[in-house]
Amino acid sequence: MSAETKILIVEDHHATLDGLALGLGSQADFKVVGTATTSDEGLKLLKETSPDVIVLDLHLPGTLGPKAALEAFRRNAPASTRLIIFSAEARIAFIQSVLGMGVSAYLLKSER
């Protein structure tokens, strides 16, 4: 039996957050260890839960802008933590910039 993958979800739209938590949490090998609606709450939960994966929206309420939030999550996460950006931001230059910051994946909210 393999260990569960611990997931932290940071998303400010409650319907999306609930859908992600329900969908990911229903998978046998996944465990949602926390959800947050601001970058500040997400960083606090990151320190408390040490997730294997962070699903992160970049446009969040809180004290940090998108790139600063990404840098803070990357800096505070264990080296083995995978960071997946889940965003509606579809500008190619922005996506390329974010991918160059050490994220594992970039998923558009408009994709199925």
PDB file of N, CA and C in Angstrom:
ATOM      1  N   MET A   1       0.835  -1.179   0.000  1.00  0.00           N
ATOM      2  CA  MET A   1       0.000   0.000   0.000  1.00  0.00           C
ATOM      3  C   MET A   1       0.880   1.243   0.000  1.00  0.00           C
ATOM      4  N   SER A   2       0.581   2.185  -0.889  1.00  0.00           N
ATOM      5  CA  SER A   2       1.365   3.405  -0.958  1.00  0.00           C
ATOM      6  C   SER A   2       0.808   4.450   0.001  1.00  0.00           C
ATOM      7  N   ALA A   3       1.665   5.380   0.383  1.00  0.00           N
ATOM      8  CA  ALA A   3       1.244   6.455   1.282  1.00  0.00           C
ATOM      9  C   ALA A   3       0.355   7.440   0.539  1.00  0.00           C
ATOM     10  N   GLU A   4      -0.506   8.098   1.280  1.00  0.00           N
ATOM     11  CA  GLU A   4      -1.364   9.108   0.685  1.00  0.00           C
ATOM     12  C   GLU A   4      -0.543  10.348   0.314  1.00  0.00           C
ATOM     13  N   THR A   5      -0.928  10.972  -0.775  1.00  0.00           N
ATOM     14  CA  THR A   5      -0.342  12.242  -1.180  1.00  0.00           C
ATOM     15  C   THR A   5      -1.111  13.347  -0.474  1.00  0.00           C
ATOM     16  N   LYS A   6      -0.411  14.134   0.341  1.00  0.00           N
ATOM     17  CA  LYS A   6      -1.041  15.214   1.101  1.00  0.00           C
ATOM     18  C   LYS A   6      -1.123  16.464   0.216  1.00  0.00           C
ATOM     19  N   ILE A   7      -2.331  17.034   0.109  1.00  0.00           N
ATOM     20  CA  ILE A   7      -2.576  18.162  -0.784  1.00  0.00           C
ATOM     21  C   ILE A   7      -3.114  19.361  -0.007  1.00  0.00           C
ATOM     22  N   LEU A   8      -2.539  20.517  -0.277  1.00  0.00           N
ATOM     23  CA  LEU A   8      -3.023  21.797   0.238  1.00  0.00           C
ATOM     24  C   LEU A   8      -3.591  22.565  -0.951  1.00  0.00           C
ATOM     25  N   ILE A   9      -4.819  23.071  -0.812  1.00  0.00           N
ATOM     26  CA  ILE A   9      -5.472  23.829  -1.878  1.00  0.00           C
ATOM     27  C   ILE A   9      -5.631  25.276  -1.424  1.00  0.00           C
ATOM     28  N   VAL A  10      -5.134  26.208  -2.244  1.00  0.00           N
ATOM     29  CA  VAL A  10      -5.235  27.632  -1.938  1.00  0.00           C
ATOM     30  C   VAL A  10      -5.954  28.298  -3.107  1.00  0.00           C
ATOM     31  N   GLU A  11      -7.213  28.644  -2.878  1.00  0.00           N
ATOM     32  CA  GLU A  11      -8.113  29.146  -3.931  1.00  0.00           C
ATOM     33  C   GLU A  11      -9.146  30.047  -3.280  1.00  0.00           C
ATOM     34  N   ASP A  12      -9.377  31.236  -3.858  1.00  0.00           N
ATOM     35  CA  ASP A  12     -10.290  32.178  -3.215  1.00  0.00           C
ATOM     36  C   ASP A  12     -11.749  32.069  -3.655  1.00  0.00           C
ATOM     37  N   HIS A  13     -12.041  31.331  -4.695  1.00  0.00           N
ATOM     38  CA  HIS A  13     -13.440  31.147  -5.105  1.00  0.00           C
ATOM     39  C   HIS A  13     -13.975  29.878  -4.436  1.00  0.00           C
ATOM     40  N   HIS A  14     -14.934  30.059  -3.556  1.00  0.00           N
ATOM     41  CA  HIS A  14     -15.396  28.960  -2.717  1.00  0.00           C
ATOM     42  C   HIS A  14     -15.948  27.776  -3.510  1.00  0.00           C
ATOM     43  N   ALA A  15     -16.677  28.015  -4.578  1.00  0.00           N
ATOM     44  CA  ALA A  15     -17.224  26.900  -5.365  1.00  0.00           C
ATOM     45  C   ALA A  15     -16.091  26.086  -5.989  1.00  0.00           C
ATOM     46  N   THR A  16     -15.076  26.774  -6.493  1.00  0.00           N
ATOM     47  CA  THR A  16     -13.922  26.077  -7.075  1.00  0.00           C
ATOM     48  C   THR A  16     -13.151  25.335  -5.992  1.00  0.00           C
ATOM     49  N   LEU A  17     -12.950  25.983  -4.876  1.00  0.00           N
ATOM     50  CA  LEU A  17     -12.242  25.366  -3.748  1.00  0.00           C
ATOM     51  C   LEU A  17     -12.968  24.106  -3.285  1.00  0.00           C
ATOM     52  N   ASP A  18     -14.276  24.209  -3.117  1.00  0.00           N
ATOM     53  CA  ASP A  18     -15.054  23.050  -2.665  1.00  0.00           C
ATOM     54  C   ASP A  18     -15.004  21.920  -3.685  1.00  0.00           C
ATOM     55  N   GLY A  19     -15.099  22.265  -4.973  1.00  0.00           N
ATOM     56  CA  GLY A  19     -15.037  21.251  -6.020  1.00  0.00           C
ATOM     57  C   GLY A  19     -13.693  20.552  -6.064  1.00  0.00           C
ATOM     58  N   LEU A  20     -12.620  21.313  -5.957  1.00  0.00           N
ATOM     59  CA  LEU A  20     -11.281  20.719  -5.931  1.00  0.00           C
ATOM     60  C   LEU A  20     -11.107  19.811  -4.713  1.00  0.00           C
ATOM     61  N   ALA A  21     -11.515  20.299  -3.554  1.00  0.00           N
ATOM     62  CA  ALA A  21     -11.365  19.518  -2.326  1.00  0.00           C
ATOM     63  C   ALA A  21     -12.170  18.225  -2.400  1.00  0.00           C
ATOM     64  N   LEU A  22     -13.393  18.312  -2.896  1.00  0.00           N
ATOM     65  CA  LEU A  22     -14.237  17.128  -3.016  1.00  0.00           C
ATOM     66  C   LEU A  22     -13.661  16.144  -4.030  1.00  0.00           C
ATOM     67  N   GLY A  23     -13.291  16.654  -5.198  1.00  0.00           N
ATOM     68  CA  GLY A  23     -12.766  15.783  -6.244  1.00  0.00           C
ATOM     69  C   GLY A  23     -11.444  15.138  -5.870  1.00  0.00           C
ATOM     70  N   LEU A  24     -10.509  15.930  -5.388  1.00  0.00           N
ATOM     71  CA  LEU A  24      -9.202  15.376  -5.015  1.00  0.00           C
ATOM     72  C   LEU A  24      -9.312  14.493  -3.772  1.00  0.00           C
ATOM     73  N   GLY A  25     -10.130  14.919  -2.819  1.00  0.00           N
ATOM     74  CA  GLY A  25     -10.288  14.144  -1.589  1.00  0.00           C
ATOM     75  C   GLY A  25     -10.972  12.807  -1.782  1.00  0.00           C
ATOM     76  N   SER A  26     -11.678  12.645  -2.886  1.00  0.00           N
ATOM     77  CA  SER A  26     -12.372  11.377  -3.140  1.00  0.00           C
ATOM     78  C   SER A  26     -11.451  10.316  -3.737  1.00  0.00           C
ATOM     79  N   GLN A  27     -10.233  10.698  -4.095  1.00  0.00           N
ATOM     80  CA  GLN A  27      -9.276   9.743  -4.653  1.00  0.00           C
ATOM     81  C   GLN A  27      -8.590   8.977  -3.521  1.00  0.00           C
ATOM     82  N   ALA A  28      -8.456   7.696  -3.682  1.00  0.00           N
ATOM     83  CA  ALA A  28      -7.940   6.832  -2.619  1.00  0.00           C
ATOM     84  C   ALA A  28      -6.544   7.228  -2.139  1.00  0.00           C
ATOM     85  N   ASP A  29      -5.690   7.687  -3.032  1.00  0.00           N
ATOM     86  CA  ASP A  29      -4.306   7.990  -2.662  1.00  0.00           C
ATOM     87  C   ASP A  29      -4.063   9.456  -2.328  1.00  0.00           C
ATOM     88  N   PHE A  30      -5.125  10.262  -2.303  1.00  0.00           N
ATOM     89  CA  PHE A  30      -4.994  11.688  -2.010  1.00  0.00           C
ATOM     90  C   PHE A  30      -5.669  12.020  -0.690  1.00  0.00           C
ATOM     91  N   LYS A  31      -5.067  12.942   0.042  1.00  0.00           N
ATOM     92  CA  LYS A  31      -5.682  13.453   1.267  1.00  0.00           C
ATOM     93  C   LYS A  31      -5.527  14.970   1.261  1.00  0.00           C
ATOM     94  N   VAL A  32      -6.634  15.690   1.253  1.00  0.00           N
ATOM     95  CA  VAL A  32      -6.604  17.147   1.339  1.00  0.00           C
ATOM     96  C   VAL A  32      -6.346  17.503   2.801  1.00  0.00           C
ATOM     97  N   VAL A  33      -5.174  18.068   3.069  1.00  0.00           N
ATOM     98  CA  VAL A  33      -4.776  18.362   4.443  1.00  0.00           C
ATOM     99  C   VAL A  33      -5.101  19.791   4.854  1.00  0.00           C
ATOM    100  N   GLY A  34      -5.569  20.596   3.892  1.00  0.00           N
ATOM    101  CA  GLY A  34      -5.941  21.958   4.227  1.00  0.00           C
ATOM    102  C   GLY A  34      -6.443  22.714   3.021  1.00  0.00           C
ATOM    103  N   THR A  35      -7.274  23.716   3.304  1.00  0.00           N
ATOM    104  CA  THR A  35      -7.745  24.623   2.269  1.00  0.00           C
ATOM    105  C   THR A  35      -7.642  26.041   2.813  1.00  0.00           C
ATOM    106  N   ALA A  36      -7.341  26.979   1.914  1.00  0.00           N
ATOM    107  CA  ALA A  36      -7.221  28.380   2.305  1.00  0.00           C
ATOM    108  C   ALA A  36      -7.755  29.255   1.188  1.00  0.00           C
ATOM    109  N   THR A  37      -8.228  30.438   1.564  1.00  0.00           N
ATOM    110  CA  THR A  37      -8.764  31.363   0.572  1.00  0.00           C
ATOM    111  C   THR A  37      -7.906  32.609   0.387  1.00  0.00           C
ATOM    112  N   THR A  38      -6.823  32.730   1.134  1.00  0.00           N
ATOM    113  CA  THR A  38      -5.883  33.839   0.960  1.00  0.00           C
ATOM    114  C   THR A  38      -4.461  33.292   0.955  1.00  0.00           C
ATOM    115  N   SER A  39      -3.550  34.075   0.392  1.00  0.00           N
ATOM    116  CA  SER A  39      -2.142  33.641   0.382  1.00  0.00           C
ATOM    117  C   SER A  39      -1.608  33.545   1.812  1.00  0.00           C
ATOM    118  N   ASP A  40      -2.023  34.452   2.681  1.00  0.00           N
ATOM    119  CA  ASP A  40      -1.546  34.433   4.063  1.00  0.00           C
ATOM    120  C   ASP A  40      -2.001  33.164   4.797  1.00  0.00           C
ATOM    121  N   GLU A  41      -3.285  32.801   4.645  1.00  0.00           N
ATOM    122  CA  GLU A  41      -3.792  31.567   5.261  1.00  0.00           C
ATOM    123  C   GLU A  41      -3.065  30.352   4.669  1.00  0.00           C
ATOM    124  N   GLY A  42      -2.847  30.371   3.372  1.00  0.00           N
ATOM    125  CA  GLY A  42      -2.179  29.259   2.708  1.00  0.00           C
ATOM    126  C   GLY A  42      -0.763  29.051   3.217  1.00  0.00           C
ATOM    127  N   LEU A  43      -0.027  30.139   3.405  1.00  0.00           N
ATOM    128  CA  LEU A  43       1.344  30.020   3.915  1.00  0.00           C
ATOM    129  C   LEU A  43       1.355  29.491   5.343  1.00  0.00           C
ATOM    130  N   LYS A  44       0.376  29.906   6.143  1.00  0.00           N
ATOM    131  CA  LYS A  44       0.280  29.385   7.517  1.00  0.00           C
ATOM    132  C   LYS A  44       0.008  27.876   7.489  1.00  0.00           C
ATOM    133  N   LEU A  45      -0.944  27.454   6.645  1.00  0.00           N
ATOM    134  CA  LEU A  45      -1.251  26.026   6.542  1.00  0.00           C
ATOM    135  C   LEU A  45      -0.095  25.227   5.957  1.00  0.00           C
ATOM    136  N   LEU A  46       0.654  25.822   5.048  1.00  0.00           N
ATOM    137  CA  LEU A  46       1.827  25.153   4.486  1.00  0.00           C
ATOM    138  C   LEU A  46       2.782  24.740   5.602  1.00  0.00           C
ATOM    139  N   LYS A  47       3.035  25.655   6.515  1.00  0.00           N
ATOM    140  CA  LYS A  47       3.950  25.369   7.624  1.00  0.00           C
ATOM    141  C   LYS A  47       3.374  24.318   8.571  1.00  0.00           C
ATOM    142  N   GLU A  48       2.045  24.302   8.731  1.00  0.00           N
ATOM    143  CA  GLU A  48       1.407  23.364   9.655  1.00  0.00           C
ATOM    144  C   GLU A  48       1.237  21.964   9.071  1.00  0.00           C
ATOM    145  N   THR A  49       1.103  21.841   7.752  1.00  0.00           N
ATOM    146  CA  THR A  49       0.721  20.555   7.158  1.00  0.00           C
ATOM    147  C   THR A  49       1.802  19.860   6.343  1.00  0.00           C
ATOM    148  N   SER A  50       2.857  20.569   5.940  1.00  0.00           N
ATOM    149  CA  SER A  50       3.924  20.008   5.088  1.00  0.00           C
ATOM    150  C   SER A  50       3.350  19.143   3.962  1.00  0.00           C
ATOM    151  N   PRO A  51       2.597  19.746   3.044  1.00  0.00           N
ATOM    152  CA  PRO A  51       1.957  18.964   1.983  1.00  0.00           C
ATOM    153  C   PRO A  51       2.958  18.451   0.951  1.00  0.00           C
ATOM    154  N   ASP A  52       2.545  17.409   0.243  1.00  0.00           N
ATOM    155  CA  ASP A  52       3.332  16.889  -0.875  1.00  0.00           C
ATOM    156  C   ASP A  52       3.064  17.703  -2.132  1.00  0.00           C
ATOM    157  N   VAL A  53       1.840  18.236  -2.227  1.00  0.00           N
ATOM    158  CA  VAL A  53       1.401  19.009  -3.389  1.00  0.00           C
ATOM    159  C   VAL A  53       0.634  20.227  -2.903  1.00  0.00           C
ATOM    160  N   ILE A  54       0.905  21.372  -3.540  1.00  0.00           N
ATOM    161  CA  ILE A  54       0.120  22.588  -3.299  1.00  0.00           C
ATOM    162  C   ILE A  54      -0.554  22.947  -4.612  1.00  0.00           C
ATOM    163  N   VAL A  55      -1.879  23.066  -4.581  1.00  0.00           N
ATOM    164  CA  VAL A  55      -2.639  23.565  -5.727  1.00  0.00           C
ATOM    165  C   VAL A  55      -2.916  25.025  -5.403  1.00  0.00           C
ATOM    166  N   LEU A  56      -2.327  25.925  -6.201  1.00  0.00           N
ATOM    167  CA  LEU A  56      -2.302  27.347  -5.856  1.00  0.00           C
ATOM    168  C   LEU A  56      -2.861  28.221  -6.965  1.00  0.00           C
ATOM    169  N   ASP A  57      -3.892  28.987  -6.628  1.00  0.00           N
ATOM    170  CA  ASP A  57      -4.357  30.060  -7.504  1.00  0.00           C
ATOM    171  C   ASP A  57      -3.411  31.232  -7.260  1.00  0.00           C
ATOM    172  N   LEU A  58      -3.086  31.985  -8.294  1.00  0.00           N
ATOM    173  CA  LEU A  58      -2.135  33.077  -8.113  1.00  0.00           C
ATOM    174  C   LEU A  58      -2.770  34.421  -7.792  1.00  0.00           C
ATOM    175  N   HIS A  59      -4.009  34.606  -8.138  1.00  0.00           N
ATOM    176  CA  HIS A  59      -4.666  35.888  -7.881  1.00  0.00           C
ATOM    177  C   HIS A  59      -5.546  35.736  -6.649  1.00  0.00           C
ATOM    178  N   LEU A  60      -4.938  35.976  -5.494  1.00  0.00           N
ATOM    179  CA  LEU A  60      -5.583  35.746  -4.205  1.00  0.00           C
ATOM    180  C   LEU A  60      -5.616  37.006  -3.363  1.00  0.00           C
ATOM    181  N   PRO A  61      -6.614  37.121  -2.505  1.00  0.00           N
ATOM    182  CA  PRO A  61      -6.549  38.194  -1.507  1.00  0.00           C
ATOM    183  C   PRO A  61      -5.404  37.894  -0.538  1.00  0.00           C
ATOM    184  N   GLY A  62      -4.880  38.920   0.045  1.00  0.00           N
ATOM    185  CA  GLY A  62      -3.789  38.750   0.995  1.00  0.00           C
ATOM    186  C   GLY A  62      -2.751  39.826   0.779  1.00  0.00           C
ATOM    187  N   THR A  63      -1.652  39.719   1.462  1.00  0.00           N
ATOM    188  CA  THR A  63      -0.646  40.772   1.426  1.00  0.00           C
ATOM    189  C   THR A  63       0.315  40.640   0.255  1.00  0.00           C
ATOM    190  N   LEU A  64       0.258  39.527  -0.493  1.00  0.00           N
ATOM    191  CA  LEU A  64       1.221  39.286  -1.563  1.00  0.00           C
ATOM    192  C   LEU A  64       0.565  39.279  -2.935  1.00  0.00           C
ATOM    193  N   GLY A  65       1.251  39.836  -3.912  1.00  0.00           N
ATOM    194  CA  GLY A  65       0.816  39.746  -5.294  1.00  0.00           C
ATOM    195  C   GLY A  65       1.128  38.359  -5.841  1.00  0.00           C
ATOM    196  N   PRO A  66       0.742  38.078  -7.092  1.00  0.00           N
ATOM    197  CA  PRO A  66       0.896  36.734  -7.655  1.00  0.00           C
ATOM    198  C   PRO A  66       2.327  36.183  -7.612  1.00  0.00           C
ATOM    199  N   LYS A  67       3.287  36.928  -8.110  1.00  0.00           N
ATOM    200  CA  LYS A  67       4.659  36.402  -8.151  1.00  0.00           C
ATOM    201  C   LYS A  67       5.285  36.345  -6.761  1.00  0.00           C
ATOM    202  N   ALA A  68       4.980  37.314  -5.925  1.00  0.00           N
ATOM    203  CA  ALA A  68       5.493  37.285  -4.553  1.00  0.00           C
ATOM    204  C   ALA A  68       4.911  36.107  -3.778  1.00  0.00           C
ATOM    205  N   ALA A  69       3.624  35.822  -4.004  1.00  0.00           N
ATOM    206  CA  ALA A  69       2.999  34.669  -3.343  1.00  0.00           C
ATOM    207  C   ALA A  69       3.665  33.373  -3.809  1.00  0.00           C
ATOM    208  N   LEU A  70       3.865  33.255  -5.102  1.00  0.00           N
ATOM    209  CA  LEU A  70       4.518  32.061  -5.637  1.00  0.00           C
ATOM    210  C   LEU A  70       5.902  31.887  -5.033  1.00  0.00           C
ATOM    211  N   GLU A  71       6.672  32.956  -4.982  1.00  0.00           N
ATOM    212  CA  GLU A  71       8.013  32.883  -4.384  1.00  0.00           C
ATOM    213  C   GLU A  71       7.945  32.484  -2.917  1.00  0.00           C
ATOM    214  N   ALA A  72       6.975  33.011  -2.179  1.00  0.00           N
ATOM    215  CA  ALA A  72       6.837  32.682  -0.756  1.00  0.00           C
ATOM    216  C   ALA A  72       6.475  31.214  -0.559  1.00  0.00           C
ATOM    217  N   PHE A  73       5.559  30.696  -1.379  1.00  0.00           N
ATOM    218  CA  PHE A  73       5.206  29.279  -1.267  1.00  0.00           C
ATOM    219  C   PHE A  73       6.396  28.408  -1.637  1.00  0.00           C
ATOM    220  N   ARG A  74       7.099  28.753  -2.682  1.00  0.00           N
ATOM    221  CA  ARG A  74       8.261  27.975  -3.111  1.00  0.00           C
ATOM    222  C   ARG A  74       9.339  27.988  -2.030  1.00  0.00           C
ATOM    223  N   ARG A  75       9.587  29.156  -1.448  1.00  0.00           N
ATOM    224  CA  ARG A  75      10.630  29.320  -0.435  1.00  0.00           C
ATOM    225  C   ARG A  75      10.291  28.569   0.863  1.00  0.00           C
ATOM    226  N   ASN A  76       9.018  28.520   1.235  1.00  0.00           N
ATOM    227  CA  ASN A  76       8.612  27.917   2.507  1.00  0.00           C
ATOM    228  C   ASN A  76       8.234  26.449   2.424  1.00  0.00           C
ATOM    229  N   ALA A  77       8.087  25.935   1.215  1.00  0.00           N
ATOM    230  CA  ALA A  77       7.703  24.529   1.052  1.00  0.00           C
ATOM    231  C   ALA A  77       8.941  23.633   1.131  1.00  0.00           C
ATOM    232  N   PRO A  78       8.762  22.418   1.635  1.00  0.00           N
ATOM    233  CA  PRO A  78       9.864  21.455   1.569  1.00  0.00           C
ATOM    234  C   PRO A  78      10.294  21.261   0.110  1.00  0.00           C
ATOM    235  N   ALA A  79      11.554  20.947  -0.100  1.00  0.00           N
ATOM    236  CA  ALA A  79      12.091  20.807  -1.463  1.00  0.00           C
ATOM    237  C   ALA A  79      11.326  19.774  -2.288  1.00  0.00           C
ATOM    238  N   SER A  80      10.773  18.774  -1.638  1.00  0.00           N
ATOM    239  CA  SER A  80      10.064  17.706  -2.358  1.00  0.00           C
ATOM    240  C   SER A  80       8.618  18.076  -2.720  1.00  0.00           C
ATOM    241  N   THR A  81       8.108  19.195  -2.189  1.00  0.00           N
ATOM    242  CA  THR A  81       6.728  19.591  -2.449  1.00  0.00           C
ATOM    243  C   THR A  81       6.573  20.059  -3.890  1.00  0.00           C
ATOM    244  N   ARG A  82       5.545  19.554  -4.551  1.00  0.00           N
ATOM    245  CA  ARG A  82       5.229  19.948  -5.923  1.00  0.00           C
ATOM    246  C   ARG A  82       4.218  21.086  -5.883  1.00  0.00           C
ATOM    247  N   LEU A  83       4.475  22.120  -6.649  1.00  0.00           N
ATOM    248  CA  LEU A  83       3.607  23.284  -6.707  1.00  0.00           C
ATOM    249  C   LEU A  83       2.896  23.301  -8.051  1.00  0.00           C
ATOM    250  N   ILE A  84       1.571  23.220  -8.005  1.00  0.00           N
ATOM    251  CA  ILE A  84       0.749  23.238  -9.210  1.00  0.00           C
ATOM    252  C   ILE A  84      -0.068  24.526  -9.211  1.00  0.00           C
ATOM    253  N   ILE A  85       0.132  25.337 -10.233  1.00  0.00           N
ATOM    254  CA  ILE A  85      -0.622  26.574 -10.357  1.00  0.00           C
ATOM    255  C   ILE A  85      -1.937  26.261 -11.055  1.00  0.00           C
ATOM    256  N   PHE A  86      -3.025  26.737 -10.477  1.00  0.00           N
ATOM    257  CA  PHE A  86      -4.375  26.549 -11.018  1.00  0.00           C
ATOM    258  C   PHE A  86      -4.970  27.938 -11.168  1.00  0.00           C
ATOM    259  N   SER A  87      -4.980  28.449 -12.403  1.00  0.00           N
ATOM    260  CA  SER A  87      -5.299  29.856 -12.598  1.00  0.00           C
ATOM    261  C   SER A  87      -6.091  30.099 -13.872  1.00  0.00           C
ATOM    262  N   ALA A  88      -6.809  31.195 -13.891  1.00  0.00           N
ATOM    263  CA  ALA A  88      -7.512  31.637 -15.097  1.00  0.00           C
ATOM    264  C   ALA A  88      -6.608  32.516 -15.953  1.00  0.00           C
ATOM    265  N   GLU A  89      -5.448  32.873 -15.451  1.00  0.00           N
ATOM    266  CA  GLU A  89      -4.502  33.736 -16.162  1.00  0.00           C
ATOM    267  C   GLU A  89      -3.917  32.980 -17.351  1.00  0.00           C
ATOM    268  N   ALA A  90      -4.296  33.398 -18.571  1.00  0.00           N
ATOM    269  CA  ALA A  90      -3.924  32.658 -19.777  1.00  0.00           C
ATOM    270  C   ALA A  90      -2.902  33.375 -20.657  1.00  0.00           C
ATOM    271  N   ARG A  91      -2.387  34.511 -20.209  1.00  0.00           N
ATOM    272  CA  ARG A  91      -1.380  35.201 -21.024  1.00  0.00           C
ATOM    273  C   ARG A  91      -0.110  34.363 -21.089  1.00  0.00           C
ATOM    274  N   ILE A  92       0.338  34.083 -22.303  1.00  0.00           N
ATOM    275  CA  ILE A  92       1.489  33.198 -22.516  1.00  0.00           C
ATOM    276  C   ILE A  92       2.739  33.716 -21.795  1.00  0.00           C
ATOM    277  N   ALA A  93       3.021  34.992 -21.886  1.00  0.00           N
ATOM    278  CA  ALA A  93       4.209  35.544 -21.234  1.00  0.00           C
ATOM    279  C   ALA A  93       4.159  35.332 -19.720  1.00  0.00           C
ATOM    280  N   PHE A  94       2.976  35.500 -19.131  1.00  0.00           N
ATOM    281  CA  PHE A  94       2.819  35.295 -17.689  1.00  0.00           C
ATOM    282  C   PHE A  94       3.053  33.819 -17.345  1.00  0.00           C
ATOM    283  N   ILE A  95       2.433  32.929 -18.104  1.00  0.00           N
ATOM    284  CA  ILE A  95       2.579  31.485 -17.857  1.00  0.00           C
ATOM    285  C   ILE A  95       4.049  31.074 -17.976  1.00  0.00           C
ATOM    286  N   GLN A  96       4.739  31.549 -19.003  1.00  0.00           N
ATOM    287  CA  GLN A  96       6.152  31.206 -19.183  1.00  0.00           C
ATOM    288  C   GLN A  96       6.989  31.721 -18.018  1.00  0.00           C
ATOM    289  N   SER A  97       6.676  32.916 -17.565  1.00  0.00           N
ATOM    290  CA  SER A  97       7.392  33.486 -16.432  1.00  0.00           C
ATOM    291  C   SER A  97       7.200  32.626 -15.178  1.00  0.00           C
ATOM    292  N   VAL A  98       5.957  32.222 -14.935  1.00  0.00           N
ATOM    293  CA  VAL A  98       5.644  31.405 -13.760  1.00  0.00           C
ATOM    294  C   VAL A  98       6.311  30.026 -13.871  1.00  0.00           C
ATOM    295  N   LEU A  99       6.271  29.436 -15.047  1.00  0.00           N
ATOM    296  CA  LEU A  99       6.908  28.123 -15.224  1.00  0.00           C
ATOM    297  C   LEU A  99       8.409  28.193 -14.972  1.00  0.00           C
ATOM    298  N   GLY A 100       9.000  29.338 -15.220  1.00  0.00           N
ATOM    299  CA  GLY A 100      10.421  29.514 -14.960  1.00  0.00           C
ATOM    300  C   GLY A 100      10.748  29.712 -13.490  1.00  0.00           C
ATOM    301  N   MET A 101       9.733  29.757 -12.642  1.00  0.00           N
ATOM    302  CA  MET A 101       9.935  29.980 -11.206  1.00  0.00           C
ATOM    303  C   MET A 101       9.892  28.685 -10.396  1.00  0.00           C
ATOM    304  N   GLY A 102       9.993  27.551 -11.067  1.00  0.00           N
ATOM    305  CA  GLY A 102      10.106  26.298 -10.346  1.00  0.00           C
ATOM    306  C   GLY A 102       8.815  25.596 -10.003  1.00  0.00           C
ATOM    307  N   VAL A 103       7.751  25.863 -10.743  1.00  0.00           N
ATOM    308  CA  VAL A 103       6.508  25.133 -10.498  1.00  0.00           C
ATOM    309  C   VAL A 103       6.522  23.822 -11.272  1.00  0.00           C
ATOM    310  N   SER A 104       5.741  22.876 -10.803  1.00  0.00           N
ATOM    311  CA  SER A 104       5.664  21.563 -11.455  1.00  0.00           C
ATOM    312  C   SER A 104       4.690  21.545 -12.615  1.00  0.00           C
ATOM    313  N   ALA A 105       3.635  22.368 -12.534  1.00  0.00           N
ATOM    314  CA  ALA A 105       2.619  22.391 -13.589  1.00  0.00           C
ATOM    315  C   ALA A 105       1.829  23.682 -13.513  1.00  0.00           C
ATOM    316  N   TYR A 106       1.219  24.039 -14.638  1.00  0.00           N
ATOM    317  CA  TYR A 106       0.356  25.209 -14.713  1.00  0.00           C
ATOM    318  C   TYR A 106      -0.922  24.745 -15.398  1.00  0.00           C
ATOM    319  N   LEU A 107      -2.026  24.773 -14.669  1.00  0.00           N
ATOM    320  CA  LEU A 107      -3.312  24.334 -15.213  1.00  0.00           C
ATOM    321  C   LEU A 107      -4.242  25.531 -15.317  1.00  0.00           C
ATOM    322  N   LEU A 108      -4.820  25.683 -16.516  1.00  0.00           N
ATOM    323  CA  LEU A 108      -5.810  26.748 -16.710  1.00  0.00           C
ATOM    324  C   LEU A 108      -7.170  26.304 -16.193  1.00  0.00           C
ATOM    325  N   LYS A 109      -7.868  27.188 -15.521  1.00  0.00           N
ATOM    326  CA  LYS A 109      -9.201  26.870 -15.013  1.00  0.00           C
ATOM    327  C   LYS A 109     -10.189  26.623 -16.141  1.00  0.00           C
ATOM    328  N   SER A 110      -9.899  27.120 -17.320  1.00  0.00           N
ATOM    329  CA  SER A 110     -10.808  26.943 -18.449  1.00  0.00           C
ATOM    330  C   SER A 110     -10.684  25.568 -19.102  1.00  0.00           C
ATOM    331  N   GLU A 111      -9.650  24.798 -18.751  1.00  0.00           N
ATOM    332  CA  GLU A 111      -9.472  23.460 -19.326  1.00  0.00           C
ATOM    333  C   GLU A 111     -10.356  22.445 -18.600  1.00  0.00           C
ATOM    334  N   ARG A 112     -10.690  21.382 -19.301  1.00  0.00           N
ATOM    335  CA  ARG A 112     -11.505  20.318 -18.694  1.00  0.00           C
ATOM    336  C   ARG A 112     -10.669  19.443 -17.793  1.00  0.00           C
TER     337      ARG A 112
END
